[in-house]
Every structure is written in structure tokens, then in C-alpha cells.
Amino acid sequence: MYEYHTLPNGIKIILSHTPSRVTYSGVYINVGSRDEAGTDEGMAHFIEHSLFKGTEHRKAYHILNRIDGVGGELNAFTTKEETCVYASSLSEHLERCLELFADILFRSTFPLNEIEREKDVVLEEINSYNDSPSELIYDQYEELAYEGHPLAHNILGTKRNVKKFTPERLRRHMERNYTPERMVVTVSGNVKMERLVRLCEKHFGGFQNTPSIQNTRNGKPEFHIFDRHINRHTHQAHLLIGCEAPDIYHGDKTAFTLLNNILGGPAMNSRLNVSIRERYGFCYNVESQYVPFSDTGLFYIYAGVDLDAEEKARHLITDELLRMAETPLTERQLRSAQRQMIGQMAINDDFGMNEMQSIGKAYLCYEHVNTLEEMAADLLSVTPADLMRVAQERFHPDRFSTLVYGN
């Protein structure tokens, strides 16, 4: 069971009580790369880096040492729609984590010398990403799929933009977007809710929203259909096939999540893994991903295959997608798939860091978090007809978009 509370300034709090000596805590902010425009592209990610570079009370070293110095870990990440700052620590150091989160989120000063050094770090991150075709292909696919919309932007931004970021621009972006009503404090650990609320009131309660600033997130993007082959002189062909998928609020989200898991989830018995890797040995890695956003969704299948096997792999992938649309699962197959996914969810939530992050994002999106039992019941309500209908609606050959890196 989860406990909830909302501070007067709009910051939401969610707690999952566990008996562990380690507490996992974080702050989710409803701001990501799609909330940028023009020369601000890449700013959310750069701010994520720069939050650790200095505040009104601390220099960079003191920020890093605040959690690491007591054996904990401090980190952050940025997605298309969220930013998250998080930490793991012994339970007695929870206040230390919460106080630091508030300090870096509301009192960061972005010292010029630190910012200039961090630009080099981010530029090298961009270089590293560009050298990895198996990662780069995802970003280029989204650029083509959502062309003309902020969802198309690479989270890292461009080198040109990063080089022009200034402390003043970073501060303005934070003031416009990193406001209390867009934040969720999420904690998993051996903590009483009364203490957590008291600590959050102490360290977050004094910060107020700016009434004139509203969330101006852009509208739903159009999904573009394309078939592109790009010569990158790679040792293998990198293949990405995908289509539009349900958003996070869509009634088909649960069925599509199960569909994705059957096709190319993490288990070795996924249909794509059995068909392309185990049966033919065409690739080392084949997987599918379902990424639901607030107003749209993306489904894609990635495979790294031998250059000579690209066309065959492409046909095998398409065949598996069409088979889901044309042949219903038997009740036995469905129950097996449901049982497998429920087990995966339970194992994932057994690790406190995963649970802290998953409930934080869920509360940010839905203002409520389903328990594992509720999610299992929802999953078990999916029928073979549901899966077949969803597959038929999404897996039309003329709705697939394909990107290939090869020779």
C-alpha cells in the first residue's frame, strides 16, 4: 500500500513503506526535452548535469560529498517528459537527501566556471552517443517519426546549442518550469509517513509557485511514415521498425504493454528472440520497446543483424507482427504470458530503487499508483480478443516506419 500527501504549495509526496535499512528517495519533475524550443533544445539535460555544480549554500564538491560521504549514491536523469533527481542512502540519512534535493532544485546558482567545464562533458557525451549506432538509431528514428515537433528533439541537444548555454538562461528555464506543482517527492524505505511529511514541509514547504507561469507543453505530434536506409559503414545492419502506439492514458495501454512483452520483452522466450536469434542465429540482440508519452506512444523493434541477413530479419519481424494481428493466442498461451509479466513486475518492484522511480512517475502522471495486485488484476483481465484487436489496429504494414543503418 502507498501513502500520499500534498503540501500547500502543490508538491506531492508518495511513500512505499518497506523494512529495508536502505531508503531510496527522489524528486520527479514534469519537465523534459519536449518542453524546450529553438535554442533551448538540450537545456533540460544540461540543467540535470548542472544541478550538482553549486547552490547558494554549497560548492560542487560539497554537493557530491553530501550523500556519497555517508555511503549513499546521488544521481539524476532526463527523459522526453520528466526530470528525476534521486538517491539511495541508509534510512537515517533520508533528511540529508531531501534537504539536498530542495537545495539543488531551488537554489542552484550555476557558477560560470563550472558550467563551462560541464559543457565539455556534455559535448563528449554527444560524441560518445554518435559513435554508438545501436543507441543513435533510436534518436534518429524519433527525429523522423516526429519531425517538426519537440518530441523529435534529441534529449542531449546539439553541440551548437550546448556551447551557447549561459547561467542566466539556465536559471530562467528553471524558474519557468521547475515549479512545486510539477514535482513529486517519492520514497521507498523504512520511514513513517508523518516523519516524511514533516521533513518535506521543512525543506520544500517554503517554495512557492509563480502564478503567471503555466505549463505550455506543446500539442500531440503527428507520426510520420518513412522507410530510410542510411549508409554508416557499420559491421552489422542496425534495424528499427515501429509504429504509433497508445499514450499513457489510453484504455489499450495494458493490452499493448502485454503485447510488447510477448513480442520482444526481456525474457529469452519472447517471440522475436525465438524466431530471429534462436531459430536462425541472425542476431545477438533483438528487442521491442513500448514508450507511452502523455499524448501519444511509440512502439519499435530493434535488431542488430549480419549485413547479409537484413532483409530476412525484416521479413521475420513483420511476420511476427502480422501473426499477432491474425492469430489469437490460446487461453493457455495468454495465461502463460500474463503469469510471466506479473512475475517480472514483482521482481522489478522488489528492488527499492526501481519501485521508488516507478511509483514516482506513476503518481506524477495519474495522481494515484496501483498496487502490484491491482496491476496484476488489470493484466489478467486482458483477453485474446483484446490483444488481437489492438494488434490489428496498430500493426498494419502501411503504418510501419523503418530505419536501417548499414552499408
Foldseek 3Di string as FASTA:
>chain_A
DKDWDAFPQQAIEIEAEDADQKKKKKKKFQAAQLLDDDLCRQLVVLLQVQLLADFPVDGNVCLQCLAVVQVKDWHWDGDRTIIMTMMMHGPVCPLSVLLSNLGSLPTRQRDQVSLQVVLVVLVVVVVVQVVDCLRVVVLCLLCQFQPPGSSSGDNNHDNVSSNPDDSVVSVVVSLQGVGNSRMYMFMYYNDDPVVVVVSCCVRPVVGHHDVVHDRPRDDDTGTDAAEAEAEDADQWKKKKKKFKDAAPPDPLPLLVVLVQCQQFNPDCNRPLNCQQCVPPNFFDDKGKDWAHHHGIIMIMIITTGGRVCVVVSVVSSLVVLVCQQVPFDDPVVLVVSLVVVLVVVVVQVVDPNSVRVVVRVCCSRPVDDDDSVRSSVVNVVDDSVSRNVSSNVISDPRRMHMYMYHD
